[in-house]
Amino acid sequence: MSPATGQGPRLDAGYGYALDVPDSWFEVDVRPATRAASAADLVNRRITDLPELRERRADIVRLVRNQAAAAWDAGAVYCAVMAEPVADGLLPACVTVSFLPGPVDADSGAPDRLSPLLATFRTKSARGEGDPWTEVTTVDLPRAGTAARTYGVEDVEDPDAGSASGGGLTRSVRVVIMQTYVPVPDVNRIAVVTCSSPAVEVAPALLDVFDAITGTFRLRPAAALVEEV
């Protein structure tokens, strides 16, 4: 993977994060005041290097803006978007990083911080072919240690449905999704790396890509991350 590096904010405990994504992905500004202009500029610069994307420009800009807005609304501090042209449109995917409170009454100094997390998740088997399913496991991230993970195919609320209907109606969209939960050292907070795509027909291949991207995640003292750049 030829990486671009996403750098995150310093946390209260003096930690930050970094994540590498393929250089074909768009690292997106999620801030409402600047994301629209930033998305257009980002796509325009990419088209200069990849003119084959030109005919999809409007679709890619719209996708990047929508993903940035959804990431911000979900509380994410980082977002990167894939928009691969295919015969009938675009193959989209997204990765976000968020920081959430840890389980209530969890001890940030406990040697086992995963059990309280894992207790909140449930596996789900598909009832029939093409139905949603969820697996729960643990993974060893090369630069972030052992983490909890859920992955599978799920139905999630479509953030665009409410706005399109005046805020009244909502609908769900089926996505392939992987969420990896990394305890932050010295504080009861969890870093969540979420990868998703509506392209459920290629779920196995996407899960491999999501695993590779998440495997680059690291938490380091803020000073150490500055030295990496």
C-alpha atoms as a PDB file:
ATOM      1  CA  MET A   1       0.000   0.000   0.000  1.00  0.00           C
ATOM      2  CA  SER A   2       1.385   3.371  -1.000  1.00  0.00           C
ATOM      3  CA  PRO A   3       0.287   5.437   1.964  1.00  0.00           C
ATOM      4  CA  ALA A   4      -0.822   8.927   2.686  1.00  0.00           C
ATOM      5  CA  THR A   5      -0.843   9.613   6.398  1.00  0.00           C
ATOM      6  CA  GLY A   6      -3.784  10.975   8.350  1.00  0.00           C
ATOM      7  CA  GLN A   7      -2.760  12.762  11.530  1.00  0.00           C
ATOM      8  CA  GLY A   8      -5.182  13.288  14.376  1.00  0.00           C
ATOM      9  CA  PRO A   9      -5.548  15.730  17.229  1.00  0.00           C
ATOM     10  CA  ARG A  10      -3.766  15.502  20.531  1.00  0.00           C
ATOM     11  CA  LEU A  11      -5.933  13.818  23.162  1.00  0.00           C
ATOM     12  CA  ASP A  12      -6.333  14.888  26.791  1.00  0.00           C
ATOM     13  CA  ALA A  13      -3.934  12.173  27.876  1.00  0.00           C
ATOM     14  CA  GLY A  14      -1.208  13.514  25.570  1.00  0.00           C
ATOM     15  CA  TYR A  15      -1.808  10.933  22.847  1.00  0.00           C
ATOM     16  CA  GLY A  16      -2.573  11.313  19.175  1.00  0.00           C
ATOM     17  CA  TYR A  17      -3.156   8.881  16.336  1.00  0.00           C
ATOM     18  CA  ALA A  18      -2.071   8.227  12.784  1.00  0.00           C
ATOM     19  CA  LEU A  19      -3.549   6.125  10.008  1.00  0.00           C
ATOM     20  CA  ASP A  20      -2.232   5.288   6.527  1.00  0.00           C
ATOM     21  CA  VAL A  21      -4.565   5.050   3.551  1.00  0.00           C
ATOM     22  CA  PRO A  22      -3.757   4.218  -0.096  1.00  0.00           C
ATOM     23  CA  ASP A  23      -2.766   7.306  -2.075  1.00  0.00           C
ATOM     24  CA  SER A  24      -5.771   6.782  -4.383  1.00  0.00           C
ATOM     25  CA  TRP A  25      -8.080   7.625  -1.467  1.00  0.00           C
ATOM     26  CA  PHE A  26      -9.249  11.167  -0.631  1.00  0.00           C
ATOM     27  CA  GLU A  27      -8.387  12.390   2.874  1.00  0.00           C
ATOM     28  CA  VAL A  28     -11.334  14.637   3.634  1.00  0.00           C
ATOM     29  CA  ASP A  29     -11.767  17.821   5.648  1.00  0.00           C
ATOM     30  CA  VAL A  30     -14.816  17.126   7.858  1.00  0.00           C
ATOM     31  CA  ARG A  31     -15.280  20.660   9.246  1.00  0.00           C
ATOM     32  CA  PRO A  32     -18.588  22.190   8.096  1.00  0.00           C
ATOM     33  CA  ALA A  33     -17.156  25.620   7.325  1.00  0.00           C
ATOM     34  CA  THR A  34     -14.505  24.369   4.913  1.00  0.00           C
ATOM     35  CA  ARG A  35     -15.421  20.884   3.708  1.00  0.00           C
ATOM     36  CA  ALA A  36     -17.386  21.882   0.578  1.00  0.00           C
ATOM     37  CA  ALA A  37     -14.586  23.970  -0.910  1.00  0.00           C
ATOM     38  CA  SER A  38     -11.986  21.508   0.306  1.00  0.00           C
ATOM     39  CA  ALA A  39     -13.731  18.569  -1.395  1.00  0.00           C
ATOM     40  CA  ALA A  40     -13.909  20.368  -4.748  1.00  0.00           C
ATOM     41  CA  ASP A  41     -10.268  21.421  -4.558  1.00  0.00           C
ATOM     42  CA  LEU A  42      -9.179  17.938  -3.516  1.00  0.00           C
ATOM     43  CA  VAL A  43     -10.970  16.286  -6.439  1.00  0.00           C
ATOM     44  CA  ASN A  44      -9.704  18.887  -8.912  1.00  0.00           C
ATOM     45  CA  ARG A  45      -6.110  18.237  -7.862  1.00  0.00           C
ATOM     46  CA  ARG A  46      -6.590  14.487  -8.163  1.00  0.00           C
ATOM     47  CA  ILE A  47      -8.085  14.827 -11.640  1.00  0.00           C
ATOM     48  CA  THR A  48      -4.933  16.632 -12.742  1.00  0.00           C
ATOM     49  CA  ASP A  49      -2.979  13.452 -12.012  1.00  0.00           C
ATOM     50  CA  LEU A  50      -5.757  11.038 -13.029  1.00  0.00           C
ATOM     51  CA  PRO A  51      -7.662  12.518 -15.986  1.00  0.00           C
ATOM     52  CA  GLU A  52      -9.707   9.315 -16.305  1.00  0.00           C
ATOM     53  CA  LEU A  53     -11.662  10.544 -13.289  1.00  0.00           C
ATOM     54  CA  ARG A  54     -12.749  13.742 -15.078  1.00  0.00           C
ATOM     55  CA  GLU A  55     -16.105  12.447 -16.348  1.00  0.00           C
ATOM     56  CA  ARG A  56     -16.978  11.348 -12.798  1.00  0.00           C
ATOM     57  CA  ARG A  57     -15.923  14.631 -11.190  1.00  0.00           C
ATOM     58  CA  ALA A  58     -19.372  15.785 -10.059  1.00  0.00           C
ATOM     59  CA  ASP A  59     -20.219  12.377  -8.605  1.00  0.00           C
ATOM     60  CA  ILE A  60     -16.905  12.156  -6.765  1.00  0.00           C
ATOM     61  CA  VAL A  61     -17.236  15.660  -5.297  1.00  0.00           C
ATOM     62  CA  ARG A  62     -20.766  14.847  -4.129  1.00  0.00           C
ATOM     63  CA  LEU A  63     -19.610  11.566  -2.588  1.00  0.00           C
ATOM     64  CA  VAL A  64     -16.689  13.204  -0.788  1.00  0.00           C
ATOM     65  CA  ARG A  65     -18.892  15.994   0.594  1.00  0.00           C
ATOM     66  CA  ASN A  66     -21.599  13.589   1.749  1.00  0.00           C
ATOM     67  CA  GLN A  67     -19.112  11.302   3.455  1.00  0.00           C
ATOM     68  CA  ALA A  68     -17.448  14.262   5.171  1.00  0.00           C
ATOM     69  CA  ALA A  69     -20.818  15.507   6.441  1.00  0.00           C
ATOM     70  CA  ALA A  70     -21.808  12.044   7.680  1.00  0.00           C
ATOM     71  CA  ALA A  71     -18.459  11.624   9.407  1.00  0.00           C
ATOM     72  CA  TRP A  72     -18.789  14.981  11.171  1.00  0.00           C
ATOM     73  CA  ASP A  73     -22.369  14.238  12.248  1.00  0.00           C
ATOM     74  CA  ALA A  74     -21.185  10.908  13.689  1.00  0.00           C
ATOM     75  CA  GLY A  75     -18.467  12.631  15.720  1.00  0.00           C
ATOM     76  CA  ALA A  76     -15.497  11.491  13.625  1.00  0.00           C
ATOM     77  CA  VAL A  77     -12.232  13.412  13.729  1.00  0.00           C
ATOM     78  CA  TYR A  78     -10.871  11.886  10.507  1.00  0.00           C
ATOM     79  CA  CYS A  79     -12.355  10.665   7.244  1.00  0.00           C
ATOM     80  CA  ALA A  80     -10.912   9.232   4.034  1.00  0.00           C
ATOM     81  CA  VAL A  81     -12.940   8.183   1.000  1.00  0.00           C
ATOM     82  CA  MET A  82     -12.390   5.775  -1.869  1.00  0.00           C
ATOM     83  CA  ALA A  83     -14.173   6.475  -5.165  1.00  0.00           C
ATOM     84  CA  GLU A  84     -13.128   3.944  -7.780  1.00  0.00           C
ATOM     85  CA  PRO A  85     -14.763   4.335 -11.212  1.00  0.00           C
ATOM     86  CA  VAL A  86     -16.566   1.186 -12.380  1.00  0.00           C
ATOM     87  CA  ALA A  87     -18.705   0.441 -15.409  1.00  0.00           C
ATOM     88  CA  ASP A  88     -21.986   1.606 -13.876  1.00  0.00           C
ATOM     89  CA  GLY A  89     -20.764   4.410 -11.618  1.00  0.00           C
ATOM     90  CA  LEU A  90     -18.477   4.569  -8.596  1.00  0.00           C
ATOM     91  CA  LEU A  91     -17.329   1.978  -6.083  1.00  0.00           C
ATOM     92  CA  PRO A  92     -17.291   3.907  -2.804  1.00  0.00           C
ATOM     93  CA  ALA A  93     -15.794   3.170   0.590  1.00  0.00           C
ATOM     94  CA  CYS A  94     -15.007   5.216   3.656  1.00  0.00           C
ATOM     95  CA  VAL A  95     -12.810   5.044   6.749  1.00  0.00           C
ATOM     96  CA  THR A  96     -13.310   7.237   9.810  1.00  0.00           C
ATOM     97  CA  VAL A  97     -11.634   7.589  13.177  1.00  0.00           C
ATOM     98  CA  SER A  98     -13.638   8.526  16.274  1.00  0.00           C
ATOM     99  CA  PHE A  99     -12.939   8.671  19.992  1.00  0.00           C
ATOM    100  CA  LEU A 100     -15.642   7.479  22.382  1.00  0.00           C
ATOM    101  CA  PRO A 101     -15.943   7.074  26.145  1.00  0.00           C
ATOM    102  CA  GLY A 102     -15.010   3.607  27.351  1.00  0.00           C
ATOM    103  CA  PRO A 103     -17.512   1.282  29.048  1.00  0.00           C
ATOM    104  CA  VAL A 104     -19.067   2.730  32.185  1.00  0.00           C
ATOM    105  CA  ASP A 105     -16.964   1.973  35.300  1.00  0.00           C
ATOM    106  CA  ALA A 106     -14.151   0.521  33.160  1.00  0.00           C
ATOM    107  CA  ASP A 107     -10.682   0.850  34.683  1.00  0.00           C
ATOM    108  CA  SER A 108      -8.235   2.537  32.307  1.00  0.00           C
ATOM    109  CA  GLY A 109      -5.369   0.942  34.248  1.00  0.00           C
ATOM    110  CA  ALA A 110      -6.700  -2.619  34.141  1.00  0.00           C
ATOM    111  CA  PRO A 111      -4.520  -5.199  32.379  1.00  0.00           C
ATOM    112  CA  ASP A 112      -7.595  -6.468  30.486  1.00  0.00           C
ATOM    113  CA  ARG A 113      -9.470  -3.629  28.826  1.00  0.00           C
ATOM    114  CA  LEU A 114     -11.030  -5.675  26.043  1.00  0.00           C
ATOM    115  CA  SER A 115     -13.410  -7.890  28.035  1.00  0.00           C
ATOM    116  CA  PRO A 116     -15.707  -4.980  29.027  1.00  0.00           C
ATOM    117  CA  LEU A 117     -15.792  -3.948  25.361  1.00  0.00           C
ATOM    118  CA  LEU A 118     -16.435  -7.423  23.992  1.00  0.00           C
ATOM    119  CA  ALA A 119     -19.304  -7.892  26.453  1.00  0.00           C
ATOM    120  CA  THR A 120     -21.219  -5.121  24.655  1.00  0.00           C
ATOM    121  CA  PHE A 121     -21.112  -6.828  21.227  1.00  0.00           C
ATOM    122  CA  ARG A 122     -23.155  -9.706  19.832  1.00  0.00           C
ATOM    123  CA  THR A 123     -22.568 -11.975  16.879  1.00  0.00           C
ATOM    124  CA  LYS A 124     -25.397 -12.388  14.391  1.00  0.00           C
ATOM    125  CA  SER A 125     -25.801 -15.154  11.827  1.00  0.00           C
ATOM    126  CA  ALA A 126     -27.416 -14.545   8.448  1.00  0.00           C
ATOM    127  CA  ARG A 127     -30.904 -16.034   8.300  1.00  0.00           C
ATOM    128  CA  GLY A 128     -30.642 -16.517   4.574  1.00  0.00           C
ATOM    129  CA  GLU A 129     -28.389 -15.780   1.640  1.00  0.00           C
ATOM    130  CA  GLY A 130     -27.667 -12.073   1.424  1.00  0.00           C
ATOM    131  CA  ASP A 131     -29.009 -11.304   4.907  1.00  0.00           C
ATOM    132  CA  PRO A 132     -27.054  -9.231   7.451  1.00  0.00           C
ATOM    133  CA  TRP A 133     -24.469 -10.917   9.673  1.00  0.00           C
ATOM    134  CA  THR A 134     -21.933  -9.830  12.283  1.00  0.00           C
ATOM    135  CA  GLU A 135     -18.793 -11.449  13.689  1.00  0.00           C
ATOM    136  CA  VAL A 136     -17.004 -10.400  16.889  1.00  0.00           C
ATOM    137  CA  THR A 137     -13.313 -11.036  17.435  1.00  0.00           C
ATOM    138  CA  THR A 138     -10.040  -9.616  18.684  1.00  0.00           C
ATOM    139  CA  VAL A 139      -7.119  -8.580  16.492  1.00  0.00           C
ATOM    140  CA  ASP A 140      -3.490  -7.695  17.059  1.00  0.00           C
ATOM    141  CA  LEU A 141      -2.697  -4.406  15.344  1.00  0.00           C
ATOM    142  CA  PRO A 142       1.030  -4.197  14.567  1.00  0.00           C
ATOM    143  CA  ARG A 143       1.393  -0.684  16.014  1.00  0.00           C
ATOM    144  CA  ALA A 144      -1.571  -0.401  18.383  1.00  0.00           C
ATOM    145  CA  GLY A 145      -1.732  -3.729  20.207  1.00  0.00           C
ATOM    146  CA  THR A 146      -4.737  -5.952  20.796  1.00  0.00           C
ATOM    147  CA  ALA A 147      -8.122  -4.517  19.859  1.00  0.00           C
ATOM    148  CA  ALA A 148     -11.751  -5.614  19.711  1.00  0.00           C
ATOM    149  CA  ARG A 149     -13.412  -5.873  16.313  1.00  0.00           C
ATOM    150  CA  THR A 150     -16.834  -6.355  14.785  1.00  0.00           C
ATOM    151  CA  TYR A 151     -17.306  -6.918  11.067  1.00  0.00           C
ATOM    152  CA  GLY A 152     -19.915  -8.144   8.628  1.00  0.00           C
ATOM    153  CA  VAL A 153     -22.844  -6.912   6.572  1.00  0.00           C
ATOM    154  CA  GLU A 154     -25.308  -4.687   8.395  1.00  0.00           C
ATOM    155  CA  ASP A 155     -28.288  -2.427   7.781  1.00  0.00           C
ATOM    156  CA  VAL A 156     -27.524   1.119   8.940  1.00  0.00           C
ATOM    157  CA  GLU A 157     -29.545   4.320   8.824  1.00  0.00           C
ATOM    158  CA  ASP A 158     -29.062   6.325   5.642  1.00  0.00           C
ATOM    159  CA  PRO A 159     -28.128   9.874   6.729  1.00  0.00           C
ATOM    160  CA  ASP A 160     -29.360  11.305   3.412  1.00  0.00           C
ATOM    161  CA  ALA A 161     -32.877   9.886   3.673  1.00  0.00           C
ATOM    162  CA  GLY A 162     -34.124  12.242   6.376  1.00  0.00           C
ATOM    163  CA  SER A 163     -32.902  15.397   4.650  1.00  0.00           C
ATOM    164  CA  ALA A 164     -34.304  14.292   1.294  1.00  0.00           C
ATOM    165  CA  SER A 165     -37.745  13.803   2.850  1.00  0.00           C
ATOM    166  CA  GLY A 166     -37.727  16.992   4.900  1.00  0.00           C
ATOM    167  CA  GLY A 167     -36.476  15.252   8.017  1.00  0.00           C
ATOM    168  CA  GLY A 168     -39.498  13.031   8.480  1.00  0.00           C
ATOM    169  CA  LEU A 169     -38.626   9.642   7.033  1.00  0.00           C
ATOM    170  CA  THR A 170     -35.575   7.477   7.469  1.00  0.00           C
ATOM    171  CA  ARG A 171     -34.482   4.352   5.678  1.00  0.00           C
ATOM    172  CA  SER A 172     -31.663   1.896   6.038  1.00  0.00           C
ATOM    173  CA  VAL A 173     -28.932   0.976   3.611  1.00  0.00           C
ATOM    174  CA  ARG A 174     -27.045  -2.321   3.614  1.00  0.00           C
ATOM    175  CA  VAL A 175     -23.271  -1.970   3.993  1.00  0.00           C
ATOM    176  CA  VAL A 176     -20.195  -4.062   4.548  1.00  0.00           C
ATOM    177  CA  ILE A 177     -18.610  -2.696   7.705  1.00  0.00           C
ATOM    178  CA  MET A 178     -15.630  -3.257   9.971  1.00  0.00           C
ATOM    179  CA  GLN A 179     -15.217  -1.466  13.303  1.00  0.00           C
ATOM    180  CA  THR A 180     -12.049  -1.836  15.357  1.00  0.00           C
ATOM    181  CA  TYR A 181     -11.956  -0.628  18.965  1.00  0.00           C
ATOM    182  CA  VAL A 182      -8.580   0.349  20.405  1.00  0.00           C
ATOM    183  CA  PRO A 183      -8.277   1.300  24.104  1.00  0.00           C
ATOM    184  CA  VAL A 184      -6.448   4.609  24.571  1.00  0.00           C
ATOM    185  CA  PRO A 185      -3.656   4.310  27.171  1.00  0.00           C
ATOM    186  CA  ASP A 186      -4.110   6.008  30.545  1.00  0.00           C
ATOM    187  CA  VAL A 187      -7.676   7.216  29.979  1.00  0.00           C
ATOM    188  CA  ASN A 188     -11.087   5.542  29.698  1.00  0.00           C
ATOM    189  CA  ARG A 189     -11.544   6.322  26.014  1.00  0.00           C
ATOM    190  CA  ILE A 190     -11.708   4.108  22.941  1.00  0.00           C
ATOM    191  CA  ALA A 191     -10.419   4.875  19.457  1.00  0.00           C
ATOM    192  CA  VAL A 192     -12.820   3.482  16.858  1.00  0.00           C
ATOM    193  CA  VAL A 193     -11.678   2.897  13.288  1.00  0.00           C
ATOM    194  CA  THR A 194     -14.764   2.362  11.108  1.00  0.00           C
ATOM    195  CA  CYS A 195     -14.517   1.172   7.499  1.00  0.00           C
ATOM    196  CA  SER A 196     -17.657   0.792   5.394  1.00  0.00           C
ATOM    197  CA  SER A 197     -19.023   0.535   1.860  1.00  0.00           C
ATOM    198  CA  PRO A 198     -22.432  -0.135   0.302  1.00  0.00           C
ATOM    199  CA  ALA A 199     -20.758  -2.503  -2.192  1.00  0.00           C
ATOM    200  CA  VAL A 200     -21.834  -5.636  -0.327  1.00  0.00           C
ATOM    201  CA  GLU A 201     -21.445  -7.779  -3.446  1.00  0.00           C
ATOM    202  CA  VAL A 202     -17.656  -7.528  -3.029  1.00  0.00           C
ATOM    203  CA  ALA A 203     -17.688  -7.766   0.766  1.00  0.00           C
ATOM    204  CA  PRO A 204     -14.808 -10.294   1.140  1.00  0.00           C
ATOM    205  CA  ALA A 205     -12.406  -8.162  -0.937  1.00  0.00           C
ATOM    206  CA  LEU A 206     -13.414  -4.985   0.887  1.00  0.00           C
ATOM    207  CA  LEU A 207     -12.952  -6.594   4.292  1.00  0.00           C
ATOM    208  CA  ASP A 208      -9.386  -7.446   3.269  1.00  0.00           C
ATOM    209  CA  VAL A 209      -8.782  -3.821   2.283  1.00  0.00           C
ATOM    210  CA  PHE A 210     -10.348  -2.588   5.537  1.00  0.00           C
ATOM    211  CA  ASP A 211      -8.165  -4.942   7.565  1.00  0.00           C
ATOM    212  CA  ALA A 212      -5.016  -3.673   5.810  1.00  0.00           C
ATOM    213  CA  ILE A 213      -5.894  -0.013   6.398  1.00  0.00           C
ATOM    214  CA  THR A 214      -6.848  -0.551  10.032  1.00  0.00           C
ATOM    215  CA  GLY A 215      -3.614  -2.450  10.551  1.00  0.00           C
ATOM    216  CA  THR A 216      -1.685   0.819  10.081  1.00  0.00           C
ATOM    217  CA  PHE A 217      -3.470   2.568  12.964  1.00  0.00           C
ATOM    218  CA  ARG A 218      -1.297   3.655  15.851  1.00  0.00           C
ATOM    219  CA  LEU A 219      -1.649   5.602  19.070  1.00  0.00           C
ATOM    220  CA  ARG A 220       1.488   7.388  20.213  1.00  0.00           C
ATOM    221  CA  PRO A 221       2.433  10.213  22.532  1.00  0.00           C
ATOM    222  CA  ALA A 222       1.750  13.394  20.564  1.00  0.00           C
ATOM    223  CA  ALA A 223       5.428  14.328  20.344  1.00  0.00           C
ATOM    224  CA  ALA A 224       6.285  10.963  18.797  1.00  0.00           C
ATOM    225  CA  LEU A 225       3.701  11.429  16.038  1.00  0.00           C
ATOM    226  CA  VAL A 226       5.167  14.830  15.159  1.00  0.00           C
ATOM    227  CA  GLU A 227       8.561  13.156  14.721  1.00  0.00           C
ATOM    228  CA  GLU A 228       7.034  10.597  12.273  1.00  0.00           C
ATOM    229  CA  VAL A 229       5.985  13.257   9.768  1.00  0.00           C
END
